[in-house]
Amino acid sequence: MKTIENLKVLETSDFERYAPSVLKQEPLGTVSKKYSFANTIEVVNDLEKLNWYPIEVKQNSIIKEAYRGYQKHMIKFRNPELQAINGLWPEIYLINSHDAKNSFQLMAGIYRLVCSNGMVVGDSVLPTMRIRHMNYDFSESSKAVGEIAKAFPWMLELIEKMKQITLDASQMETLTEKAFKLRWPDENPLNSDFISLSKVNRPTDYRNSLWNFFNILQENIIKGKWYKEKYDERNRRTYSKVRPVTAITQTVKINRDLWDLAQNYILN
């Protein structure tokens, strides 16, 4: 990694080590001849020209060996000129794959220092900026980044409003139940100890504000590592350790849907 204005930035060697799919120079061999290929690293370089630098990367695990090196990947960017406000850093997420199944996706995110946790904001704040591979050029990334940058002040304003809203016990239980369904849509929350999803991980989170409670739920859903209690058809109690969410599509969907759930408390 290299350092730019105190920001640790990913280099080619980091992509080679953690997500080699980013560096692919050709699409998966089974794609149509009409498919127009644009590699991720080209967009990374364009975002760097706009002062947004890659700081974190991940790629999906593969199901079929033929997709190795072409699978979906996600890169997180930060702008060294944008400093944290109340412990929050604005970020941009880039998602792409080289298997002809996805366009480039750019979306707004936020990083919360206190829990070392990043989150993608909901469509209600800013819809995903999609860029087609066909005839890609720098102007498309520039336009998308400009639109995302415009959304950051509003995003921080919404967070301040969330901090001012105090939830009562009934509201916290309702929000927890809805959050549970985002991770386990086929399970009945009433057959599980879904309240465990709202367990507090640090003393600073012992506040009943919407913002604090949203962060508790988001961290526990995404990071897992707690024990979920469940009752079977014979009402026997079982426990299972919750695994972290690692798939990119599921991570983004849960993040965005949970944000929208929380934001509804501001709008209603």
Protein backbone atom coordinates (compact mmCIF):
# COMPACT_ATOMS: atom_id res chain seq x y z
CA MET A 1 0.00 0.00 0.00
CA LYS A 2 1.06 3.59 -0.52
CA THR A 3 0.17 6.67 1.49
CA ILE A 4 -1.46 9.78 0.03
CA GLU A 5 -2.14 12.61 2.49
CA ASN A 6 -2.26 10.16 5.45
CA LEU A 7 -4.59 7.86 3.50
CA LYS A 8 -3.40 4.27 2.95
CA VAL A 9 -4.17 3.50 -0.70
CA LEU A 10 -4.30 0.14 -2.48
CA GLU A 11 -1.77 -0.56 -5.22
CA THR A 12 -1.66 -3.13 -8.02
CA SER A 13 0.07 -5.66 -5.76
CA ASP A 14 -2.81 -5.37 -3.26
CA PHE A 15 -5.38 -6.10 -5.96
CA GLU A 16 -3.29 -9.06 -7.13
CA ARG A 17 -3.28 -10.44 -3.60
CA TYR A 18 -6.83 -9.77 -2.41
CA ALA A 19 -8.97 -9.44 -5.55
CA PRO A 20 -7.19 -10.37 -8.81
CA SER A 21 -10.53 -10.15 -10.65
CA VAL A 22 -10.11 -6.35 -10.55
CA LEU A 23 -7.12 -6.59 -12.89
CA LYS A 24 -8.64 -8.75 -15.63
CA GLN A 25 -7.91 -7.43 -19.11
CA GLU A 26 -10.51 -9.51 -20.95
CA PRO A 27 -14.03 -10.76 -20.23
CA LEU A 28 -15.08 -14.33 -19.50
CA GLY A 29 -14.66 -16.42 -22.65
CA THR A 30 -18.34 -17.38 -22.81
CA VAL A 31 -19.67 -13.82 -23.26
CA SER A 32 -21.31 -12.68 -26.48
CA LYS A 33 -19.19 -11.08 -29.20
CA LYS A 34 -21.44 -8.04 -28.81
CA TYR A 35 -20.26 -7.58 -25.22
CA SER A 36 -18.17 -4.44 -24.82
CA PHE A 37 -15.44 -4.97 -22.23
CA ALA A 38 -14.28 -2.24 -19.85
CA ASN A 39 -11.99 -3.33 -17.05
CA THR A 40 -12.35 -2.26 -13.46
CA ILE A 41 -8.83 -0.95 -13.09
CA GLU A 42 -9.57 1.66 -15.77
CA VAL A 43 -12.40 3.01 -13.62
CA VAL A 44 -10.16 2.88 -10.53
CA ASN A 45 -7.60 5.02 -12.33
CA ASP A 46 -10.33 7.45 -13.42
CA LEU A 47 -11.61 7.80 -9.85
CA GLU A 48 -8.07 8.53 -8.69
CA LYS A 49 -7.99 11.41 -11.18
CA LEU A 50 -11.06 12.71 -9.34
CA ASN A 51 -9.19 12.40 -6.02
CA TRP A 52 -11.02 9.25 -4.87
CA TYR A 53 -8.56 6.52 -3.93
CA PRO A 54 -9.11 2.77 -3.31
CA ILE A 55 -8.64 1.79 0.32
CA GLU A 56 -10.36 -1.58 0.58
CA VAL A 57 -11.30 -4.39 -1.83
CA LYS A 58 -13.04 -7.77 -1.76
CA GLN A 59 -14.26 -10.28 -4.31
CA ASN A 60 -16.92 -12.98 -4.14
CA SER A 61 -16.05 -16.60 -3.69
CA ILE A 62 -16.55 -18.67 -6.82
CA ILE A 63 -19.14 -21.40 -7.33
CA LYS A 64 -17.85 -22.57 -10.70
CA GLU A 65 -14.13 -22.80 -11.42
CA ALA A 66 -14.66 -21.24 -14.87
CA TYR A 67 -15.57 -17.96 -13.18
CA ARG A 68 -12.33 -17.68 -11.21
CA GLY A 69 -10.82 -14.26 -11.86
CA TYR A 70 -14.03 -12.88 -13.36
CA GLN A 71 -16.28 -12.82 -10.29
CA LYS A 72 -18.00 -9.82 -8.75
CA HIS A 73 -15.76 -7.47 -6.77
CA MET A 74 -16.27 -4.36 -4.66
CA ILE A 75 -13.83 -1.51 -4.01
CA LYS A 76 -14.19 1.19 -1.38
CA PHE A 77 -12.84 4.68 -2.12
CA ARG A 78 -12.12 7.66 0.06
CA ASN A 79 -11.19 11.26 -0.76
CA PRO A 80 -8.28 12.59 1.39
CA GLU A 81 -9.66 16.12 1.06
CA LEU A 82 -12.90 15.10 2.82
CA GLN A 83 -12.24 14.78 6.52
CA ALA A 84 -14.41 12.96 9.02
CA ILE A 85 -17.40 14.82 10.42
CA ASN A 86 -18.42 13.61 13.89
CA GLY A 87 -16.53 10.38 13.33
CA LEU A 88 -18.07 9.74 9.88
CA TRP A 89 -16.17 9.51 6.59
CA PRO A 90 -17.95 9.80 3.23
CA GLU A 91 -17.05 6.93 0.90
CA ILE A 92 -17.81 5.65 -2.59
CA TYR A 93 -18.31 1.97 -3.44
CA LEU A 94 -17.59 0.53 -6.88
CA ILE A 95 -19.02 -2.87 -7.84
CA ASN A 96 -18.28 -4.71 -11.09
CA SER A 97 -17.62 -8.13 -12.60
CA HIS A 98 -16.12 -9.31 -15.89
CA ASP A 99 -18.67 -12.01 -16.70
CA ALA A 100 -21.13 -9.78 -18.63
CA LYS A 101 -23.69 -10.01 -15.81
CA ASN A 102 -23.17 -6.56 -14.28
CA SER A 103 -22.71 -2.95 -15.24
CA PHE A 104 -20.40 -0.76 -13.19
CA GLN A 105 -22.22 0.36 -10.05
CA LEU A 106 -21.18 3.39 -7.99
CA MET A 107 -22.94 4.17 -4.71
CA ALA A 108 -22.57 6.41 -1.69
CA GLY A 109 -21.34 5.03 1.60
CA ILE A 110 -20.34 6.12 5.09
CA TYR A 111 -17.70 4.81 7.48
CA ARG A 112 -18.28 4.99 11.24
CA LEU A 113 -15.00 5.17 13.12
CA VAL A 114 -16.26 4.01 16.53
CA CYS A 115 -17.10 0.51 15.29
CA SER A 116 -14.81 0.37 12.24
CA ASN A 117 -17.91 -0.28 10.19
CA GLY A 118 -18.80 0.80 6.67
CA MET A 119 -22.31 1.02 5.29
CA VAL A 120 -23.98 1.71 1.96
CA VAL A 121 -26.81 4.23 2.13
CA GLY A 122 -30.27 3.49 0.77
CA ASP A 123 -31.83 4.22 -2.59
CA SER A 124 -33.96 6.82 -0.84
CA VAL A 125 -30.84 8.98 -0.48
CA LEU A 126 -29.22 8.26 -3.82
CA PRO A 127 -30.07 5.53 -6.35
CA THR A 128 -27.17 3.39 -7.56
CA MET A 129 -25.25 5.09 -10.37
CA ARG A 130 -24.93 2.50 -13.13
CA ILE A 131 -22.36 2.79 -15.93
CA ARG A 132 -22.54 0.50 -18.94
CA HIS A 133 -19.40 -1.19 -20.18
CA MET A 134 -20.24 -0.24 -23.76
CA ASN A 135 -18.37 2.87 -24.93
CA TYR A 136 -17.21 3.69 -21.42
CA ASP A 137 -15.23 6.90 -21.00
CA PHE A 138 -13.95 9.12 -18.19
CA SER A 139 -16.87 11.56 -18.37
CA GLU A 140 -19.29 8.88 -17.14
CA SER A 141 -17.32 8.28 -13.94
CA SER A 142 -16.88 12.01 -13.47
CA LYS A 143 -20.63 12.61 -13.74
CA ALA A 144 -21.47 9.74 -11.36
CA VAL A 145 -18.95 10.87 -8.74
CA GLY A 146 -20.32 14.41 -8.99
CA GLU A 147 -23.85 13.19 -8.28
CA ILE A 148 -22.68 11.12 -5.31
CA ALA A 149 -20.69 14.04 -3.89
CA LYS A 150 -23.84 16.20 -4.01
CA ALA A 151 -25.65 13.63 -1.85
CA PHE A 152 -23.12 13.61 1.00
CA PRO A 153 -24.35 16.78 2.77
CA TRP A 154 -27.93 15.49 2.68
CA MET A 155 -26.76 12.10 3.93
CA LEU A 156 -25.03 13.71 6.93
CA GLU A 157 -28.11 15.84 7.57
CA LEU A 158 -30.26 12.70 7.71
CA ILE A 159 -27.84 11.13 10.18
CA GLU A 160 -28.14 14.18 12.44
CA LYS A 161 -31.92 13.83 12.31
CA MET A 162 -31.61 10.14 13.24
CA LYS A 163 -29.54 11.15 16.28
CA GLN A 164 -32.35 13.42 17.46
CA ILE A 165 -35.03 10.70 17.34
CA THR A 166 -35.46 8.62 20.49
CA LEU A 167 -37.01 5.17 20.09
CA ASP A 168 -39.21 3.61 22.74
CA ALA A 169 -39.12 -0.12 23.53
CA SER A 170 -41.96 -0.94 21.14
CA GLN A 171 -40.31 0.90 18.24
CA MET A 172 -36.98 -0.83 18.87
CA GLU A 173 -38.67 -4.22 18.91
CA THR A 174 -40.52 -3.48 15.65
CA LEU A 175 -37.35 -2.27 13.92
CA THR A 176 -35.41 -5.30 15.18
CA GLU A 177 -38.06 -7.67 13.83
CA LYS A 178 -37.99 -5.98 10.41
CA ALA A 179 -34.19 -6.04 10.38
CA PHE A 180 -34.24 -9.75 11.24
CA LYS A 181 -36.38 -10.41 8.15
CA LEU A 182 -33.79 -8.70 5.93
CA ARG A 183 -31.17 -11.30 6.89
CA TRP A 184 -33.50 -14.29 7.37
CA PRO A 185 -36.51 -13.66 5.11
CA ASP A 186 -37.76 -17.26 5.31
CA GLU A 187 -37.73 -17.46 9.10
CA ASN A 188 -40.46 -16.37 11.48
CA PRO A 189 -38.88 -13.93 13.97
CA LEU A 190 -41.33 -15.12 16.61
CA ASN A 191 -39.74 -18.58 16.44
CA SER A 192 -36.34 -17.06 17.24
CA ASP A 193 -34.90 -14.85 19.91
CA PHE A 194 -34.73 -12.03 17.37
CA ILE A 195 -34.16 -9.47 20.13
CA SER A 196 -30.57 -10.80 20.37
CA LEU A 197 -29.99 -8.98 17.10
CA SER A 198 -30.10 -5.73 19.07
CA LYS A 199 -27.41 -6.64 21.59
CA VAL A 200 -25.11 -3.71 22.40
CA ASN A 201 -21.42 -4.19 21.60
CA ARG A 202 -19.88 -1.13 23.30
CA PRO A 203 -20.83 1.32 26.09
CA THR A 204 -21.13 4.27 23.70
CA ASP A 205 -24.07 2.53 22.02
CA TYR A 206 -26.18 2.56 25.18
CA ARG A 207 -28.41 5.28 23.81
CA ASN A 208 -31.89 4.95 22.42
CA SER A 209 -31.41 7.23 19.44
CA LEU A 210 -32.46 5.94 16.03
CA TRP A 211 -28.90 6.39 14.74
CA ASN A 212 -27.33 4.34 17.53
CA PHE A 213 -29.90 1.59 17.28
CA PHE A 214 -29.61 1.45 13.49
CA ASN A 215 -25.83 0.98 13.85
CA ILE A 216 -26.27 -1.79 16.42
CA LEU A 217 -28.57 -3.71 14.08
CA GLN A 218 -26.41 -3.10 11.02
CA GLU A 219 -23.22 -4.25 12.74
CA ASN A 220 -24.80 -7.39 14.20
CA ILE A 221 -26.48 -8.36 10.92
CA ILE A 222 -23.40 -7.88 8.76
CA LYS A 223 -20.58 -8.91 11.11
CA GLY A 224 -22.43 -11.76 12.83
CA LYS A 225 -20.35 -13.70 15.42
CA TRP A 226 -23.20 -13.89 17.95
CA TYR A 227 -25.43 -16.84 18.84
CA LYS A 228 -28.94 -16.96 17.43
CA GLU A 229 -31.52 -18.76 19.51
CA LYS A 230 -34.22 -20.65 17.63
CA TYR A 231 -37.14 -22.92 18.49
CA ASP A 232 -38.03 -25.89 16.30
CA GLU A 233 -41.48 -27.38 15.57
CA ARG A 234 -41.35 -29.20 18.93
CA ASN A 235 -40.48 -25.98 20.73
CA ARG A 236 -36.95 -27.21 21.44
CA ARG A 237 -34.35 -24.47 21.82
CA THR A 238 -31.24 -24.55 19.63
CA TYR A 239 -28.32 -22.17 19.15
CA SER A 240 -26.25 -21.40 16.08
CA LYS A 241 -23.39 -18.97 15.63
CA VAL A 242 -24.27 -16.26 13.11
CA ARG A 243 -21.76 -16.01 10.31
CA PRO A 244 -20.72 -12.67 8.81
CA VAL A 245 -22.37 -11.66 5.54
CA THR A 246 -19.65 -11.90 2.91
CA ALA A 247 -21.46 -12.02 -0.46
CA ILE A 248 -21.32 -8.59 -2.06
CA THR A 249 -24.89 -8.51 -3.39
CA GLN A 250 -26.38 -9.55 -0.04
CA THR A 251 -24.17 -7.11 1.89
CA VAL A 252 -25.26 -4.17 -0.24
CA LYS A 253 -28.93 -5.14 -0.26
CA ILE A 254 -29.14 -5.54 3.52
CA ASN A 255 -27.29 -2.27 4.07
CA ARG A 256 -29.54 -0.31 1.74
CA ASP A 257 -32.79 -1.87 2.92
CA LEU A 258 -31.88 -1.32 6.57
CA TRP A 259 -31.03 2.33 5.88
CA ASP A 260 -34.41 2.80 4.24
CA LEU A 261 -36.14 1.19 7.25
CA ALA A 262 -34.42 3.65 9.59
CA GLN A 263 -35.08 6.63 7.35
CA ASN A 264 -38.82 5.88 7.41
CA TYR A 265 -38.83 6.98 11.06
CA ILE A 266 -37.75 10.44 9.90
CA LEU A 267 -40.35 10.66 7.17
CA ASN A 268 -43.28 9.35 9.23
